[in-house]
PDB file of N, CA and C in Angstrom:
ATOM      1  N   MET A   1      58.394 -17.104 307.466  1.00  0.00           N
ATOM      2  CA  MET A   1      57.084 -16.791 307.957  1.00  0.00           C
ATOM      3  C   MET A   1      56.522 -17.963 308.710  1.00  0.00           C
ATOM      4  N   ALA A   2      55.970 -17.722 309.857  1.00  0.00           N
ATOM      5  CA  ALA A   2      55.441 -18.775 310.746  1.00  0.00           C
ATOM      6  C   ALA A   2      54.094 -19.291 310.229  1.00  0.00           C
ATOM      7  N   PHE A   3      53.800 -20.506 310.584  1.00  0.00           N
ATOM      8  CA  PHE A   3      52.552 -21.137 310.187  1.00  0.00           C
ATOM      9  C   PHE A   3      51.390 -20.465 310.897  1.00  0.00           C
ATOM     10  N   THR A   4      50.354 -20.149 310.177  1.00  0.00           N
ATOM     11  CA  THR A   4      49.133 -19.617 310.811  1.00  0.00           C
ATOM     12  C   THR A   4      47.993 -20.560 310.481  1.00  0.00           C
ATOM     13  N   GLY A   5      47.331 -21.065 311.490  1.00  0.00           N
ATOM     14  CA  GLY A   5      46.245 -22.009 311.319  1.00  0.00           C
ATOM     15  C   GLY A   5      45.947 -22.702 312.623  1.00  0.00           C
ATOM     16  N   LEU A   6      45.089 -23.742 312.534  1.00  0.00           N
ATOM     17  CA  LEU A   6      44.781 -24.500 313.740  1.00  0.00           C
ATOM     18  C   LEU A   6      45.827 -25.497 314.058  1.00  0.00           C
ATOM     19  N   VAL A   7      46.184 -25.593 315.315  1.00  0.00           N
ATOM     20  CA  VAL A   7      47.146 -26.571 315.793  1.00  0.00           C
ATOM     21  C   VAL A   7      46.614 -27.171 317.071  1.00  0.00           C
ATOM     22  N   ASN A   8      47.175 -28.318 317.479  1.00  0.00           N
ATOM     23  CA  ASN A   8      46.844 -28.941 318.726  1.00  0.00           C
ATOM     24  C   ASN A   8      47.621 -28.211 319.830  1.00  0.00           C
ATOM     25  N   ILE A   9      46.930 -27.736 320.856  1.00  0.00           N
ATOM     26  CA  ILE A   9      47.572 -27.042 321.950  1.00  0.00           C
ATOM     27  C   ILE A   9      47.661 -27.979 323.147  1.00  0.00           C
ATOM     28  N   VAL A  10      48.852 -28.080 323.741  1.00  0.00           N
ATOM     29  CA  VAL A  10      49.052 -28.859 324.977  1.00  0.00           C
ATOM     30  C   VAL A  10      49.327 -27.861 326.081  1.00  0.00           C
ATOM     31  N   LYS A  11      48.416 -27.713 327.022  1.00  0.00           N
ATOM     32  CA  LYS A  11      48.610 -26.834 328.148  1.00  0.00           C
ATOM     33  C   LYS A  11      49.223 -27.594 329.276  1.00  0.00           C
ATOM     34  N   ARG A  12      50.502 -27.267 329.585  1.00  0.00           N
ATOM     35  CA  ARG A  12      51.237 -27.894 330.651  1.00  0.00           C
ATOM     36  C   ARG A  12      51.663 -26.809 331.614  1.00  0.00           C
ATOM     37  N   LYS A  13      51.089 -26.868 332.807  1.00  0.00           N
ATOM     38  CA  LYS A  13      51.241 -25.835 333.818  1.00  0.00           C
ATOM     39  C   LYS A  13      50.709 -24.529 333.248  1.00  0.00           C
ATOM     40  N   LYS A  14      51.522 -23.498 333.046  1.00  0.00           N
ATOM     41  CA  LYS A  14      51.043 -22.251 332.460  1.00  0.00           C
ATOM     42  C   LYS A  14      51.483 -22.016 331.045  1.00  0.00           C
ATOM     43  N   THR A  15      52.261 -22.970 330.509  1.00  0.00           N
ATOM     44  CA  THR A  15      52.829 -22.806 329.152  1.00  0.00           C
ATOM     45  C   THR A  15      51.953 -23.527 328.157  1.00  0.00           C
ATOM     46  N   LEU A  16      51.744 -22.900 326.972  1.00  0.00           N
ATOM     47  CA  LEU A  16      50.989 -23.535 325.881  1.00  0.00           C
ATOM     48  C   LEU A  16      51.979 -24.004 324.865  1.00  0.00           C
ATOM     49  N   HIS A  17      51.988 -25.329 324.638  1.00  0.00           N
ATOM     50  CA  HIS A  17      52.885 -25.958 323.660  1.00  0.00           C
ATOM     51  C   HIS A  17      52.078 -26.327 322.433  1.00  0.00           C
ATOM     52  N   CYS A  18      52.776 -26.486 321.295  1.00  0.00           N
ATOM     53  CA  CYS A  18      52.207 -27.036 320.088  1.00  0.00           C
ATOM     54  C   CYS A  18      52.317 -28.559 320.213  1.00  0.00           C
ATOM     55  N   GLY A  19      51.294 -29.298 319.737  1.00  0.00           N
ATOM     56  CA  GLY A  19      51.296 -30.722 319.899  1.00  0.00           C
ATOM     57  C   GLY A  19      51.145 -31.479 318.596  1.00  0.00           C
ATOM     58  N   PHE A  20      51.492 -32.777 318.613  1.00  0.00           N
ATOM     59  CA  PHE A  20      51.300 -33.689 317.483  1.00  0.00           C
ATOM     60  C   PHE A  20      50.729 -34.991 318.048  1.00  0.00           C
ATOM     61  N   LYS A  21      50.067 -35.737 317.183  1.00  0.00           N
ATOM     62  CA  LYS A  21      49.408 -36.987 317.554  1.00  0.00           C
ATOM     63  C   LYS A  21      50.409 -38.150 317.518  1.00  0.00           C
ATOM     64  N   VAL A  22      50.339 -38.980 318.575  1.00  0.00           N
ATOM     65  CA  VAL A  22      51.185 -40.171 318.709  1.00  0.00           C
ATOM     66  C   VAL A  22      50.284 -41.384 318.960  1.00  0.00           C
ATOM     67  N   ARG A  23      50.472 -42.432 318.232  1.00  0.00           N
ATOM     68  CA  ARG A  23      49.689 -43.647 318.423  1.00  0.00           C
ATOM     69  C   ARG A  23      50.481 -44.598 319.328  1.00  0.00           C
ATOM     70  N   LEU A  24      49.861 -44.923 320.465  1.00  0.00           N
ATOM     71  CA  LEU A  24      50.443 -45.886 321.417  1.00  0.00           C
ATOM     72  C   LEU A  24      49.504 -47.079 321.518  1.00  0.00           C
ATOM     73  N   GLY A  25      49.774 -48.125 320.749  1.00  0.00           N
ATOM     74  CA  GLY A  25      48.866 -49.257 320.720  1.00  0.00           C
ATOM     75  C   GLY A  25      47.564 -48.883 320.067  1.00  0.00           C
ATOM     76  N   SER A  26      46.483 -48.962 320.826  1.00  0.00           N
ATOM     77  CA  SER A  26      45.168 -48.594 320.276  1.00  0.00           C
ATOM     78  C   SER A  26      44.769 -47.139 320.675  1.00  0.00           C
ATOM     79  N   ASP A  27      45.617 -46.482 321.536  1.00  0.00           N
ATOM     80  CA  ASP A  27      45.337 -45.151 321.974  1.00  0.00           C
ATOM     81  C   ASP A  27      46.062 -44.110 321.094  1.00  0.00           C
ATOM     82  N   VAL A  28      45.470 -42.928 321.036  1.00  0.00           N
ATOM     83  CA  VAL A  28      46.085 -41.805 320.355  1.00  0.00           C
ATOM     84  C   VAL A  28      46.262 -40.701 321.395  1.00  0.00           C
ATOM     85  N   LYS A  29      47.542 -40.295 321.593  1.00  0.00           N
ATOM     86  CA  LYS A  29      47.865 -39.258 322.585  1.00  0.00           C
ATOM     87  C   LYS A  29      48.385 -38.062 321.843  1.00  0.00           C
ATOM     88  N   ILE A  30      48.357 -36.869 322.447  1.00  0.00           N
ATOM     89  CA  ILE A  30      48.920 -35.654 321.888  1.00  0.00           C
ATOM     90  C   ILE A  30      50.177 -35.348 322.716  1.00  0.00           C
ATOM     91  N   ALA A  31      51.336 -35.279 322.073  1.00  0.00           N
ATOM     92  CA  ALA A  31      52.587 -34.968 322.728  1.00  0.00           C
ATOM     93  C   ALA A  31      53.064 -33.585 322.294  1.00  0.00           C
ATOM     94  N   SER A  32      53.842 -32.953 323.156  1.00  0.00           N
ATOM     95  CA  SER A  32      54.353 -31.611 322.771  1.00  0.00           C
ATOM     96  C   SER A  32      55.474 -31.749 321.774  1.00  0.00           C
ATOM     97  N   VAL A  33      55.595 -30.779 320.894  1.00  0.00           N
ATOM     98  CA  VAL A  33      56.552 -30.823 319.821  1.00  0.00           C
ATOM     99  C   VAL A  33      57.979 -30.597 320.340  1.00  0.00           C
ATOM    100  N   CYS A  34      58.143 -29.717 321.320  1.00  0.00           N
ATOM    101  CA  CYS A  34      59.472 -29.324 321.713  1.00  0.00           C
ATOM    102  C   CYS A  34      60.211 -30.444 322.504  1.00  0.00           C
ATOM    103  N   ASN A  35      59.549 -31.198 323.340  1.00  0.00           N
ATOM    104  CA  ASN A  35      60.268 -32.265 324.051  1.00  0.00           C
ATOM    105  C   ASN A  35      59.685 -33.647 323.883  1.00  0.00           C
ATOM    106  N   LYS A  36      58.684 -33.777 323.018  1.00  0.00           N
ATOM    107  CA  LYS A  36      58.137 -35.050 322.565  1.00  0.00           C
ATOM    108  C   LYS A  36      57.652 -35.949 323.724  1.00  0.00           C
ATOM    109  N   THR A  37      57.009 -35.326 324.718  1.00  0.00           N
ATOM    110  CA  THR A  37      56.479 -36.083 325.836  1.00  0.00           C
ATOM    111  C   THR A  37      54.990 -35.770 326.025  1.00  0.00           C
ATOM    112  N   TRP A  38      54.301 -36.628 326.745  1.00  0.00           N
ATOM    113  CA  TRP A  38      52.927 -36.360 327.122  1.00  0.00           C
ATOM    114  C   TRP A  38      52.732 -36.749 328.577  1.00  0.00           C
ATOM    115  N   HIS A  39      51.843 -36.074 329.226  1.00  0.00           N
ATOM    116  CA  HIS A  39      51.517 -36.324 330.641  1.00  0.00           C
ATOM    117  C   HIS A  39      50.011 -36.460 330.797  1.00  0.00           C
ATOM    118  N   LEU A  40      49.582 -37.199 331.794  1.00  0.00           N
ATOM    119  CA  LEU A  40      48.134 -37.426 331.992  1.00  0.00           C
ATOM    120  C   LEU A  40      47.422 -36.126 332.356  1.00  0.00           C
ATOM    121  N   GLU A  41      48.147 -35.224 333.035  1.00  0.00           N
ATOM    122  CA  GLU A  41      47.472 -34.012 333.495  1.00  0.00           C
ATOM    123  C   GLU A  41      47.427 -32.887 332.449  1.00  0.00           C
ATOM    124  N   ASP A  42      47.948 -33.130 331.250  1.00  0.00           N
ATOM    125  CA  ASP A  42      47.917 -32.122 330.176  1.00  0.00           C
ATOM    126  C   ASP A  42      46.504 -31.870 329.687  1.00  0.00           C
ATOM    127  N   GLU A  43      46.206 -30.597 329.440  1.00  0.00           N
ATOM    128  CA  GLU A  43      44.940 -30.238 328.765  1.00  0.00           C
ATOM    129  C   GLU A  43      45.241 -30.107 327.299  1.00  0.00           C
ATOM    130  N   VAL A  44      44.403 -30.694 326.434  1.00  0.00           N
ATOM    131  CA  VAL A  44      44.624 -30.686 325.011  1.00  0.00           C
ATOM    132  C   VAL A  44      43.392 -30.139 324.308  1.00  0.00           C
ATOM    133  N   TYR A  45      43.616 -29.192 323.383  1.00  0.00           N
ATOM    134  CA  TYR A  45      42.515 -28.631 322.593  1.00  0.00           C
ATOM    135  C   TYR A  45      43.118 -28.024 321.306  1.00  0.00           C
ATOM    136  N   GLU A  46      42.258 -27.659 320.397  1.00  0.00           N
ATOM    137  CA  GLU A  46      42.693 -26.958 319.161  1.00  0.00           C
ATOM    138  C   GLU A  46      42.517 -25.478 319.268  1.00  0.00           C
ATOM    139  N   ASP A  47      43.509 -24.747 318.779  1.00  0.00           N
ATOM    140  CA  ASP A  47      43.426 -23.288 318.739  1.00  0.00           C
ATOM    141  C   ASP A  47      44.350 -22.796 317.644  1.00  0.00           C
ATOM    142  N   ILE A  48      44.359 -21.462 317.449  1.00  0.00           N
ATOM    143  CA  ILE A  48      45.199 -20.907 316.410  1.00  0.00           C
ATOM    144  C   ILE A  48      46.643 -20.939 316.857  1.00  0.00           C
ATOM    145  N   SER A  49      47.579 -20.952 315.899  1.00  0.00           N
ATOM    146  CA  SER A  49      48.985 -21.160 316.224  1.00  0.00           C
ATOM    147  C   SER A  49      49.583 -19.933 316.954  1.00  0.00           C
ATOM    148  N   SER A  50      48.972 -18.791 316.858  1.00  0.00           N
ATOM    149  CA  SER A  50      49.551 -17.618 317.510  1.00  0.00           C
ATOM    150  C   SER A  50      49.367 -17.654 319.028  1.00  0.00           C
ATOM    151  N   SER A  51      48.572 -18.587 319.562  1.00  0.00           N
ATOM    152  CA  SER A  51      48.370 -18.677 320.998  1.00  0.00           C
ATOM    153  C   SER A  51      49.457 -19.521 321.692  1.00  0.00           C
ATOM    154  N   VAL A  52      50.390 -20.137 320.932  1.00  0.00           N
ATOM    155  CA  VAL A  52      51.480 -20.905 321.505  1.00  0.00           C
ATOM    156  C   VAL A  52      52.433 -19.984 322.226  1.00  0.00           C
ATOM    157  N   THR A  53      52.759 -20.299 323.518  1.00  0.00           N
ATOM    158  CA  THR A  53      53.663 -19.433 324.287  1.00  0.00           C
ATOM    159  C   THR A  53      55.054 -20.037 324.510  1.00  0.00           C
ATOM    160  N   CYS A  54      55.218 -21.318 324.210  1.00  0.00           N
ATOM    161  CA  CYS A  54      56.537 -21.946 324.345  1.00  0.00           C
ATOM    162  C   CYS A  54      57.532 -21.420 323.289  1.00  0.00           C
ATOM    163  N   LYS A  55      58.679 -20.970 323.691  1.00  0.00           N
ATOM    164  CA  LYS A  55      59.639 -20.379 322.738  1.00  0.00           C
ATOM    165  C   LYS A  55      60.186 -21.435 321.762  1.00  0.00           C
ATOM    166  N   ARG A  56      60.434 -22.668 322.231  1.00  0.00           N
ATOM    167  CA  ARG A  56      60.960 -23.746 321.358  1.00  0.00           C
ATOM    168  C   ARG A  56      59.914 -24.155 320.335  1.00  0.00           C
ATOM    169  N   CYS A  57      58.650 -24.206 320.795  1.00  0.00           N
ATOM    170  CA  CYS A  57      57.584 -24.597 319.828  1.00  0.00           C
ATOM    171  C   CYS A  57      57.349 -23.488 318.795  1.00  0.00           C
ATOM    172  N   GLN A  58      57.476 -22.211 319.198  1.00  0.00           N
ATOM    173  CA  GLN A  58      57.350 -21.087 318.265  1.00  0.00           C
ATOM    174  C   GLN A  58      58.430 -21.152 317.185  1.00  0.00           C
ATOM    175  N   LYS A  59      59.664 -21.514 317.563  1.00  0.00           N
ATOM    176  CA  LYS A  59      60.740 -21.640 316.575  1.00  0.00           C
ATOM    177  C   LYS A  59      60.466 -22.772 315.579  1.00  0.00           C
ATOM    178  N   ILE A  60      59.899 -23.851 316.087  1.00  0.00           N
ATOM    179  CA  ILE A  60      59.531 -24.979 315.185  1.00  0.00           C
ATOM    180  C   ILE A  60      58.396 -24.590 314.245  1.00  0.00           C
ATOM    181  N   LEU A  61      57.436 -23.815 314.768  1.00  0.00           N
ATOM    182  CA  LEU A  61      56.300 -23.361 313.880  1.00  0.00           C
ATOM    183  C   LEU A  61      56.794 -22.411 312.825  1.00  0.00           C
ATOM    184  N   GLU A  62      57.877 -21.665 313.078  1.00  0.00           N
ATOM    185  CA  GLU A  62      58.447 -20.750 312.084  1.00  0.00           C
ATOM    186  C   GLU A  62      58.987 -21.527 310.855  1.00  0.00           C
ATOM    187  N   LYS A  63      59.386 -22.764 311.065  1.00  0.00           N
ATOM    188  CA  LYS A  63      59.952 -23.622 310.014  1.00  0.00           C
ATOM    189  C   LYS A  63      58.860 -24.328 309.181  1.00  0.00           C
ATOM    190  N   ALA A  64      57.615 -24.258 309.659  1.00  0.00           N
ATOM    191  CA  ALA A  64      56.523 -24.947 308.976  1.00  0.00           C
ATOM    192  C   ALA A  64      56.116 -24.255 307.685  1.00  0.00           C
ATOM    193  N   ASN A  65      55.704 -25.051 306.703  1.00  0.00           N
ATOM    194  CA  ASN A  65      55.205 -24.460 305.448  1.00  0.00           C
ATOM    195  C   ASN A  65      53.719 -24.145 305.592  1.00  0.00           C
ATOM    196  N   GLU A  66      53.068 -23.710 304.482  1.00  0.00           N
ATOM    197  CA  GLU A  66      51.689 -23.299 304.574  1.00  0.00           C
ATOM    198  C   GLU A  66      50.718 -24.443 304.884  1.00  0.00           C
ATOM    199  N   ASP A  67      51.159 -25.708 304.684  1.00  0.00           N
ATOM    200  CA  ASP A  67      50.307 -26.864 305.001  1.00  0.00           C
ATOM    201  C   ASP A  67      50.512 -27.306 306.462  1.00  0.00           C
ATOM    202  N   GLY A  68      51.521 -26.783 307.163  1.00  0.00           N
ATOM    203  CA  GLY A  68      51.794 -27.139 308.531  1.00  0.00           C
ATOM    204  C   GLY A  68      52.813 -28.239 308.684  1.00  0.00           C
ATOM    205  N   TYR A  69      53.514 -28.610 307.657  1.00  0.00           N
ATOM    206  CA  TYR A  69      54.551 -29.652 307.709  1.00  0.00           C
ATOM    207  C   TYR A  69      55.915 -29.029 307.991  1.00  0.00           C
ATOM    208  N   VAL A  70      56.657 -29.720 308.859  1.00  0.00           N
ATOM    209  CA  VAL A  70      58.019 -29.291 309.232  1.00  0.00           C
ATOM    210  C   VAL A  70      58.945 -30.450 308.852  1.00  0.00           C
ATOM    211  N   THR A  71      60.029 -30.103 308.142  1.00  0.00           N
ATOM    212  CA  THR A  71      61.065 -31.100 307.833  1.00  0.00           C
ATOM    213  C   THR A  71      62.294 -30.796 308.663  1.00  0.00           C
ATOM    214  N   PHE A  72      62.785 -31.777 309.378  1.00  0.00           N
ATOM    215  CA  PHE A  72      63.953 -31.623 310.216  1.00  0.00           C
ATOM    216  C   PHE A  72      65.168 -32.226 309.504  1.00  0.00           C
ATOM    217  N   GLY A  73      66.324 -31.722 309.733  1.00  0.00           N
ATOM    218  CA  GLY A  73      67.547 -32.293 309.167  1.00  0.00           C
ATOM    219  C   GLY A  73      67.767 -31.813 307.728  1.00  0.00           C
ATOM    220  N   ARG A  74      68.762 -32.444 307.082  1.00  0.00           N
ATOM    221  CA  ARG A  74      69.180 -32.073 305.724  1.00  0.00           C
ATOM    222  C   ARG A  74      68.390 -32.859 304.704  1.00  0.00           C
ATOM    223  N   ARG A  75      68.310 -32.313 303.514  1.00  0.00           N
ATOM    224  CA  ARG A  75      67.683 -33.001 302.393  1.00  0.00           C
ATOM    225  C   ARG A  75      68.610 -33.032 301.229  1.00  0.00           C
TER     226      ARG A  75
END
């Protein structure tokens, strides 16, 4: 079951990616989950997780638990 709740949305061109916060020195940037990059021209806002249109980000959101945490790799 996919995560349902508020997520950071990164709008890059026409695609809506899920985002996470990255601290770069004293700045905090929002990078996309699927390719872990950020661009100056990205629009960032909060919205519900069902508005994400990136296929790779949707697959990652399917792995998230009810708190929104995703664990990668083996345990």
